[in-house]
Amino acid sequence: MKIVYRSTHPDVLDHWRNTGSAEAQQAWRARVEETLTDLGLAGCRLVLKGETRVVGVEYDGEPPEGWRRNRDLAGSIAPARRTAVGKEIGKRLDDLRRPDPRRDLPGGMPDVAFAKHTFMRCGIAPHGDAVYVTWPDEIDKGDGSYIDPNVWDRIKLSEYYALLEAEEANAS
């Protein structure tokens, strides 16, 4: 089973532009490159926890001042937050959190929920002039979630798949 919601609400569309669009992701990558260059680590790659939280940098060799080896992941370093320099580096990495369009969606749409005692994360994607959120199953009502019907329309699965098929046909 799959549950699909659609929104054309201006707040949802703005949220997508600011967090999920290619432009928003490219702006984040530019901030990452600028920060890593400023920290003397140009060309290195970030280590993320989950999909958004920056916890370190891939790095071989002796860690620079303010850094320590990341015991959780070989070949990477993390800020040595017990030192003044490491605290500053840590703050800068914390500010590099990757934008996640699923978080803080307008209209009460959660980014995570439960269904039949199973943890779920929603999928999100723009199609045409709307943003669509998909769930693998019905969200349990006991989790306190409230989805505003003035912001989100629940649509039939057949309508969603027809949209995807039309987009695929137009792309060919």
C-alpha atoms as a PDB file:
ATOM      1  CA  MET A   1       0.000   0.000   0.000  1.00  0.00           C
ATOM      2  CA  LYS A   2       1.176   3.548  -0.628  1.00  0.00           C
ATOM      3  CA  ILE A   3      -0.397   6.776   0.630  1.00  0.00           C
ATOM      4  CA  VAL A   4       0.081   9.956  -1.429  1.00  0.00           C
ATOM      5  CA  TYR A   5      -0.527  13.604  -0.590  1.00  0.00           C
ATOM      6  CA  ARG A   6      -0.306  16.557  -2.995  1.00  0.00           C
ATOM      7  CA  SER A   7       0.073  20.252  -2.245  1.00  0.00           C
ATOM      8  CA  THR A   8       0.097  23.379  -4.386  1.00  0.00           C
ATOM      9  CA  HIS A   9       0.048  25.609  -1.311  1.00  0.00           C
ATOM     10  CA  PRO A  10       2.509  28.536  -1.671  1.00  0.00           C
ATOM     11  CA  ASP A  11       4.181  27.734   1.678  1.00  0.00           C
ATOM     12  CA  VAL A  12       4.870  24.159   0.590  1.00  0.00           C
ATOM     13  CA  LEU A  13       6.209  25.273  -2.792  1.00  0.00           C
ATOM     14  CA  ASP A  14       8.478  27.854  -1.088  1.00  0.00           C
ATOM     15  CA  HIS A  15       9.660  25.197   1.358  1.00  0.00           C
ATOM     16  CA  TRP A  16      10.613  22.927  -1.559  1.00  0.00           C
ATOM     17  CA  ARG A  17      12.465  25.735  -3.357  1.00  0.00           C
ATOM     18  CA  ASN A  18      14.410  26.569  -0.179  1.00  0.00           C
ATOM     19  CA  THR A  19      15.338  23.003   0.797  1.00  0.00           C
ATOM     20  CA  GLY A  20      14.837  20.391  -1.911  1.00  0.00           C
ATOM     21  CA  SER A  21      15.357  22.100  -5.228  1.00  0.00           C
ATOM     22  CA  ALA A  22      18.535  21.591  -7.209  1.00  0.00           C
ATOM     23  CA  GLU A  23      19.392  25.248  -6.563  1.00  0.00           C
ATOM     24  CA  ALA A  24      19.050  24.836  -2.778  1.00  0.00           C
ATOM     25  CA  GLN A  25      21.238  21.716  -2.820  1.00  0.00           C
ATOM     26  CA  GLN A  26      23.855  23.442  -5.020  1.00  0.00           C
ATOM     27  CA  ALA A  27      23.915  26.436  -2.651  1.00  0.00           C
ATOM     28  CA  TRP A  28      24.539  24.025   0.249  1.00  0.00           C
ATOM     29  CA  ARG A  29      27.395  22.347  -1.659  1.00  0.00           C
ATOM     30  CA  ALA A  30      28.935  25.779  -2.342  1.00  0.00           C
ATOM     31  CA  ARG A  31      28.768  26.586   1.398  1.00  0.00           C
ATOM     32  CA  VAL A  32      30.425  23.245   2.140  1.00  0.00           C
ATOM     33  CA  GLU A  33      33.262  23.885  -0.322  1.00  0.00           C
ATOM     34  CA  GLU A  34      33.787  27.407   1.021  1.00  0.00           C
ATOM     35  CA  THR A  35      33.866  26.193   4.633  1.00  0.00           C
ATOM     36  CA  LEU A  36      36.220  23.282   3.911  1.00  0.00           C
ATOM     37  CA  THR A  37      38.562  25.576   1.970  1.00  0.00           C
ATOM     38  CA  ASP A  38      38.502  28.080   4.831  1.00  0.00           C
ATOM     39  CA  LEU A  39      39.348  25.250   7.264  1.00  0.00           C
ATOM     40  CA  GLY A  40      42.291  24.185   5.084  1.00  0.00           C
ATOM     41  CA  LEU A  41      40.563  21.003   3.912  1.00  0.00           C
ATOM     42  CA  ALA A  42      39.762  21.845   0.296  1.00  0.00           C
ATOM     43  CA  GLY A  43      38.962  18.763  -1.750  1.00  0.00           C
ATOM     44  CA  CYS A  44      37.923  16.692   1.274  1.00  0.00           C
ATOM     45  CA  ARG A  45      34.441  15.214   1.611  1.00  0.00           C
ATOM     46  CA  LEU A  46      32.042  15.579   4.509  1.00  0.00           C
ATOM     47  CA  VAL A  47      30.949  12.689   6.696  1.00  0.00           C
ATOM     48  CA  LEU A  48      27.209  12.839   7.333  1.00  0.00           C
ATOM     49  CA  LYS A  49      25.176  11.124  10.013  1.00  0.00           C
ATOM     50  CA  GLY A  50      21.837  10.222   8.597  1.00  0.00           C
ATOM     51  CA  GLU A  51      21.324  12.303   5.509  1.00  0.00           C
ATOM     52  CA  THR A  52      21.734  15.785   6.927  1.00  0.00           C
ATOM     53  CA  ARG A  53      23.955  16.123  10.010  1.00  0.00           C
ATOM     54  CA  VAL A  54      27.650  16.812   9.396  1.00  0.00           C
ATOM     55  CA  VAL A  55      29.863  14.917  11.861  1.00  0.00           C
ATOM     56  CA  GLY A  56      33.295  15.077  10.263  1.00  0.00           C
ATOM     57  CA  VAL A  57      35.485  15.074   7.187  1.00  0.00           C
ATOM     58  CA  GLU A  58      37.147  12.268   5.233  1.00  0.00           C
ATOM     59  CA  TYR A  59      40.870  12.748   5.871  1.00  0.00           C
ATOM     60  CA  ASP A  60      43.984  10.566   5.843  1.00  0.00           C
ATOM     61  CA  GLY A  61      46.999  11.592   7.825  1.00  0.00           C
ATOM     62  CA  GLU A  62      47.649  13.388  11.078  1.00  0.00           C
ATOM     63  CA  PRO A  63      44.625  15.471  12.144  1.00  0.00           C
ATOM     64  CA  PRO A  64      45.169  19.252  11.998  1.00  0.00           C
ATOM     65  CA  GLU A  65      44.816  21.409  15.113  1.00  0.00           C
ATOM     66  CA  GLY A  66      41.286  21.327  16.492  1.00  0.00           C
ATOM     67  CA  TRP A  67      40.536  17.921  14.945  1.00  0.00           C
ATOM     68  CA  ARG A  68      40.730  14.330  16.178  1.00  0.00           C
ATOM     69  CA  ARG A  69      40.451  10.966  14.511  1.00  0.00           C
ATOM     70  CA  ASN A  70      36.864   9.845  14.192  1.00  0.00           C
ATOM     71  CA  ARG A  71      36.741   6.544  16.067  1.00  0.00           C
ATOM     72  CA  ASP A  72      33.407   5.678  14.478  1.00  0.00           C
ATOM     73  CA  LEU A  73      34.628   5.868  10.890  1.00  0.00           C
ATOM     74  CA  ALA A  74      38.142   5.025   9.750  1.00  0.00           C
ATOM     75  CA  GLY A  75      39.735   7.534   7.412  1.00  0.00           C
ATOM     76  CA  SER A  76      37.899  10.515   8.832  1.00  0.00           C
ATOM     77  CA  ILE A  77      38.359  13.265  11.392  1.00  0.00           C
ATOM     78  CA  ALA A  78      35.909  15.079  13.639  1.00  0.00           C
ATOM     79  CA  PRO A  79      36.172  18.341  15.571  1.00  0.00           C
ATOM     80  CA  ALA A  80      38.000  17.999  18.909  1.00  0.00           C
ATOM     81  CA  ARG A  81      35.204  19.774  20.778  1.00  0.00           C
ATOM     82  CA  ARG A  82      37.109  19.745  24.087  1.00  0.00           C
ATOM     83  CA  THR A  83      39.459  22.385  22.694  1.00  0.00           C
ATOM     84  CA  ALA A  84      38.645  26.022  21.874  1.00  0.00           C
ATOM     85  CA  VAL A  85      39.634  25.552  18.217  1.00  0.00           C
ATOM     86  CA  GLY A  86      37.637  22.319  17.986  1.00  0.00           C
ATOM     87  CA  LYS A  87      34.549  23.989  19.460  1.00  0.00           C
ATOM     88  CA  GLU A  88      34.665  26.674  16.760  1.00  0.00           C
ATOM     89  CA  ILE A  89      35.152  24.069  14.031  1.00  0.00           C
ATOM     90  CA  GLY A  90      32.265  22.067  15.476  1.00  0.00           C
ATOM     91  CA  LYS A  91      29.961  25.107  15.364  1.00  0.00           C
ATOM     92  CA  ARG A  92      30.858  25.697  11.731  1.00  0.00           C
ATOM     93  CA  LEU A  93      30.141  22.073  10.824  1.00  0.00           C
ATOM     94  CA  ASP A  94      26.861  22.185  12.763  1.00  0.00           C
ATOM     95  CA  ASP A  95      25.833  25.146  10.601  1.00  0.00           C
ATOM     96  CA  LEU A  96      26.401  23.030   7.481  1.00  0.00           C
ATOM     97  CA  ARG A  97      23.398  20.790   8.156  1.00  0.00           C
ATOM     98  CA  ARG A  98      22.177  19.615   4.765  1.00  0.00           C
ATOM     99  CA  PRO A  99      18.732  20.973   3.865  1.00  0.00           C
ATOM    100  CA  ASP A 100      16.090  18.248   4.084  1.00  0.00           C
ATOM    101  CA  PRO A 101      12.803  19.029   2.333  1.00  0.00           C
ATOM    102  CA  ARG A 102      10.986  16.435   4.453  1.00  0.00           C
ATOM    103  CA  ARG A 103      11.652  18.345   7.679  1.00  0.00           C
ATOM    104  CA  ASP A 104       9.339  21.105   8.866  1.00  0.00           C
ATOM    105  CA  LEU A 105       6.849  20.761   6.038  1.00  0.00           C
ATOM    106  CA  PRO A 106       3.976  23.255   6.292  1.00  0.00           C
ATOM    107  CA  GLY A 107       0.490  21.987   7.016  1.00  0.00           C
ATOM    108  CA  GLY A 108       1.396  19.484   9.702  1.00  0.00           C
ATOM    109  CA  MET A 109       2.948  16.921   7.358  1.00  0.00           C
ATOM    110  CA  PRO A 110       5.429  14.923   9.464  1.00  0.00           C
ATOM    111  CA  ASP A 111       8.776  13.765   8.112  1.00  0.00           C
ATOM    112  CA  VAL A 112       8.656  10.579  10.161  1.00  0.00           C
ATOM    113  CA  ALA A 113       5.729   8.551  11.457  1.00  0.00           C
ATOM    114  CA  PHE A 114       4.708   5.112  12.611  1.00  0.00           C
ATOM    115  CA  ALA A 115       2.441   2.554  10.998  1.00  0.00           C
ATOM    116  CA  LYS A 116       1.618  -0.714  12.686  1.00  0.00           C
ATOM    117  CA  HIS A 117       4.636  -0.293  14.999  1.00  0.00           C
ATOM    118  CA  THR A 118       6.942   0.374  12.040  1.00  0.00           C
ATOM    119  CA  PHE A 119       9.049   3.522  11.697  1.00  0.00           C
ATOM    120  CA  MET A 120       8.556   5.286   8.349  1.00  0.00           C
ATOM    121  CA  ARG A 121      10.061   8.285   6.537  1.00  0.00           C
ATOM    122  CA  CYS A 122       8.139  10.006   3.823  1.00  0.00           C
ATOM    123  CA  GLY A 123       9.263  10.451   0.260  1.00  0.00           C
ATOM    124  CA  ILE A 124       8.973  13.882  -1.304  1.00  0.00           C
ATOM    125  CA  ALA A 125       9.256  15.130  -4.877  1.00  0.00           C
ATOM    126  CA  PRO A 126       7.941  17.893  -7.087  1.00  0.00           C
ATOM    127  CA  HIS A 127       5.862  16.985 -10.119  1.00  0.00           C
ATOM    128  CA  GLY A 128       4.533  19.778 -12.300  1.00  0.00           C
ATOM    129  CA  ASP A 129       3.245  22.620 -10.160  1.00  0.00           C
ATOM    130  CA  ALA A 130       2.819  20.538  -6.987  1.00  0.00           C
ATOM    131  CA  VAL A 131       4.829  18.789  -4.289  1.00  0.00           C
ATOM    132  CA  TYR A 132       3.969  15.169  -3.534  1.00  0.00           C
ATOM    133  CA  VAL A 133       4.625  13.304  -0.304  1.00  0.00           C
ATOM    134  CA  THR A 134       4.423   9.513  -0.255  1.00  0.00           C
ATOM    135  CA  TRP A 135       4.161   7.095   2.652  1.00  0.00           C
ATOM    136  CA  PRO A 136       4.592   3.316   2.447  1.00  0.00           C
ATOM    137  CA  ASP A 137       1.537   2.790   4.672  1.00  0.00           C
ATOM    138  CA  GLU A 138      -1.231   4.584   6.546  1.00  0.00           C
ATOM    139  CA  ILE A 139       0.112   6.832   9.322  1.00  0.00           C
ATOM    140  CA  ASP A 140      -0.994   5.780  12.808  1.00  0.00           C
ATOM    141  CA  LYS A 141      -3.307   8.399  14.277  1.00  0.00           C
ATOM    142  CA  GLY A 142      -1.862   7.897  17.761  1.00  0.00           C
ATOM    143  CA  ASP A 143       1.389   9.699  16.916  1.00  0.00           C
ATOM    144  CA  GLY A 144      -0.254  13.131  17.209  1.00  0.00           C
ATOM    145  CA  SER A 145       0.240  14.011  13.553  1.00  0.00           C
ATOM    146  CA  TYR A 146      -2.212  16.395  12.001  1.00  0.00           C
ATOM    147  CA  ILE A 147      -2.236  16.965   8.285  1.00  0.00           C
ATOM    148  CA  ASP A 148      -4.086  20.139   7.323  1.00  0.00           C
ATOM    149  CA  PRO A 149      -6.559  19.408   4.498  1.00  0.00           C
ATOM    150  CA  ASN A 150      -6.309  23.075   3.444  1.00  0.00           C
ATOM    151  CA  VAL A 151      -2.628  22.477   2.617  1.00  0.00           C
ATOM    152  CA  TRP A 152      -2.479  18.788   1.632  1.00  0.00           C
ATOM    153  CA  ASP A 153      -4.854  16.760  -0.535  1.00  0.00           C
ATOM    154  CA  ARG A 154      -4.774  13.002  -0.230  1.00  0.00           C
ATOM    155  CA  ILE A 155      -4.951  11.591  -3.751  1.00  0.00           C
ATOM    156  CA  LYS A 156      -5.636   8.194  -5.199  1.00  0.00           C
ATOM    157  CA  LEU A 157      -2.640   6.017  -5.894  1.00  0.00           C
ATOM    158  CA  SER A 158      -3.856   5.505  -9.464  1.00  0.00           C
ATOM    159  CA  GLU A 159      -3.814   9.288 -10.011  1.00  0.00           C
ATOM    160  CA  TYR A 160      -0.238   9.477  -8.725  1.00  0.00           C
ATOM    161  CA  TYR A 161       0.973   6.634 -10.954  1.00  0.00           C
ATOM    162  CA  ALA A 162      -0.816   8.158 -13.958  1.00  0.00           C
ATOM    163  CA  LEU A 163       1.122  11.383 -13.301  1.00  0.00           C
ATOM    164  CA  LEU A 164       4.434   9.483 -13.120  1.00  0.00           C
ATOM    165  CA  GLU A 165       3.651   7.579 -16.322  1.00  0.00           C
ATOM    166  CA  ALA A 166       2.740  10.811 -18.139  1.00  0.00           C
ATOM    167  CA  GLU A 167       5.998  12.432 -17.028  1.00  0.00           C
ATOM    168  CA  GLU A 168       7.965   9.387 -18.169  1.00  0.00           C
ATOM    169  CA  ALA A 169       6.216   9.409 -21.555  1.00  0.00           C
ATOM    170  CA  ASN A 170       6.943  13.138 -21.995  1.00  0.00           C
ATOM    171  CA  ALA A 171      10.601  12.610 -21.118  1.00  0.00           C
ATOM    172  CA  SER A 172      11.010  10.031 -23.911  1.00  0.00           C
END
